Amino acid sequence: MLATPAHAADTLASYVGTYLHEEIVVEAERKVLNRPSRLIAIEAKATDSWRPEWSATLDMLAGHPRFSAAYGVYLGDRTIVNGQVTVLPLAEFSRRLWAGEIF
């Protein structure tokens, strides 16, 4: 069964939310307080084409010292670099996330 774009976006949002929650819990349990905080901006779109204007806010956030990276995630099939924003297909983003390359 093929996933609809809305289903894929909901799945990604749920997955990323769960992953972030688990990372926060692990960090709190380890009491890693001497490491400076860093933020990663992520925006997901349920579409197979990425519009350059969607990168504007991410690009602005990526310029802030607390942010170490900015990612767009979409249902397309190619990686796009737009300013400081790396836009990844959902499958590639998932692979990098699981591999520990995002956080």
Protein backbone atom coordinates (compact mmCIF):
# COMPACT_ATOMS: atom_id res chain seq x y z
CA MET A 1 0.00 0.00 0.00
CA LEU A 2 1.40 3.39 -0.97
CA ALA A 3 1.40 6.05 1.71
CA THR A 4 -0.35 9.29 0.92
CA PRO A 5 1.68 12.50 1.32
CA ALA A 6 -0.38 13.42 4.39
CA HIS A 7 0.25 10.01 5.95
CA ALA A 8 3.98 10.25 5.23
CA ALA A 9 4.13 13.72 6.81
CA ASP A 10 2.21 12.55 9.89
CA THR A 11 4.49 9.54 10.22
CA LEU A 12 7.60 11.73 9.95
CA ALA A 13 6.28 14.24 12.49
CA SER A 14 5.44 11.43 14.92
CA TYR A 15 8.82 9.76 14.39
CA VAL A 16 10.85 12.95 14.78
CA GLY A 17 8.83 13.95 17.86
CA THR A 18 9.40 10.53 19.44
CA TYR A 19 13.09 10.59 18.55
CA LEU A 20 13.56 14.07 20.00
CA HIS A 21 11.72 13.10 23.18
CA GLU A 22 13.91 10.02 23.61
CA GLU A 23 17.07 12.05 23.02
CA ILE A 24 16.01 14.62 25.62
CA VAL A 25 15.23 11.88 28.15
CA VAL A 26 18.56 10.15 27.51
CA GLU A 27 20.44 13.44 27.89
CA ALA A 28 18.61 14.23 31.12
CA GLU A 29 19.30 10.76 32.50
CA ARG A 30 22.98 11.06 31.67
CA LYS A 31 23.05 14.55 33.15
CA VAL A 32 25.15 15.87 30.29
CA LEU A 33 24.93 19.45 31.42
CA ASN A 34 28.45 20.59 30.67
CA ARG A 35 27.95 20.31 26.92
CA PRO A 36 26.61 23.42 25.20
CA SER A 37 23.10 23.05 23.83
CA ARG A 38 22.63 22.98 20.10
CA LEU A 39 19.49 23.13 18.10
CA ILE A 40 18.58 21.67 14.74
CA ALA A 41 15.78 23.22 12.70
CA ILE A 42 13.64 20.77 10.74
CA GLU A 43 10.66 21.51 8.51
CA ALA A 44 8.74 18.72 6.78
CA LYS A 45 6.44 19.15 3.80
CA ALA A 46 4.04 16.56 2.38
CA THR A 47 4.94 17.28 -1.23
CA ASP A 48 7.27 15.92 -3.87
CA SER A 49 8.67 19.35 -4.78
CA TRP A 50 10.42 21.82 -2.48
CA ARG A 51 9.75 25.54 -2.90
CA PRO A 52 12.78 27.77 -2.25
CA GLU A 53 10.73 30.17 -0.09
CA TRP A 54 10.18 27.35 2.43
CA SER A 55 13.88 27.53 3.21
CA ALA A 56 13.80 31.21 4.23
CA THR A 57 12.93 30.71 7.91
CA LEU A 58 15.19 27.69 8.18
CA ASP A 59 18.04 29.68 6.64
CA MET A 60 17.48 32.48 9.14
CA LEU A 61 17.51 30.01 12.05
CA ALA A 62 20.64 28.31 10.72
CA GLY A 63 22.43 31.66 10.99
CA HIS A 64 21.74 31.83 14.73
CA PRO A 65 24.67 30.65 16.91
CA ARG A 66 22.55 28.11 18.85
CA PHE A 67 21.54 26.28 15.67
CA SER A 68 24.02 23.83 14.26
CA ALA A 69 22.00 22.80 11.19
CA ALA A 70 18.75 23.27 9.31
CA TYR A 71 16.93 20.60 7.32
CA GLY A 72 13.93 20.48 5.08
CA VAL A 73 12.30 17.09 4.56
CA TYR A 74 10.01 16.31 1.66
CA LEU A 75 8.67 13.47 -0.46
CA GLY A 76 10.85 14.26 -3.47
CA ASP A 77 13.81 12.22 -4.63
CA ARG A 78 16.79 14.57 -4.68
CA THR A 79 18.90 16.42 -2.12
CA ILE A 80 18.79 20.21 -2.41
CA VAL A 81 21.11 22.71 -0.75
CA ASN A 82 19.45 26.10 -0.43
CA GLY A 83 21.64 28.58 1.47
CA GLN A 84 22.44 26.99 4.84
CA VAL A 85 19.52 24.56 4.50
CA THR A 86 19.89 20.97 3.37
CA VAL A 87 16.63 19.61 1.96
CA LEU A 88 16.46 15.82 2.01
CA PRO A 89 14.04 13.23 0.69
CA LEU A 90 12.19 11.49 3.54
CA ALA A 91 14.05 8.20 3.05
CA GLU A 92 17.48 9.89 3.12
CA PHE A 93 16.55 11.98 6.16
CA SER A 94 15.39 8.83 7.98
CA ARG A 95 18.60 7.01 7.07
CA ARG A 96 20.76 9.88 8.35
CA LEU A 97 18.66 10.23 11.49
CA TRP A 98 19.03 6.54 12.36
CA ALA A 99 22.74 6.69 11.54
CA GLY A 100 23.22 9.55 14.02
CA GLU A 101 24.22 12.01 11.29
CA ILE A 102 21.47 14.54 12.07
CA PHE A 103 21.94 14.79 15.86
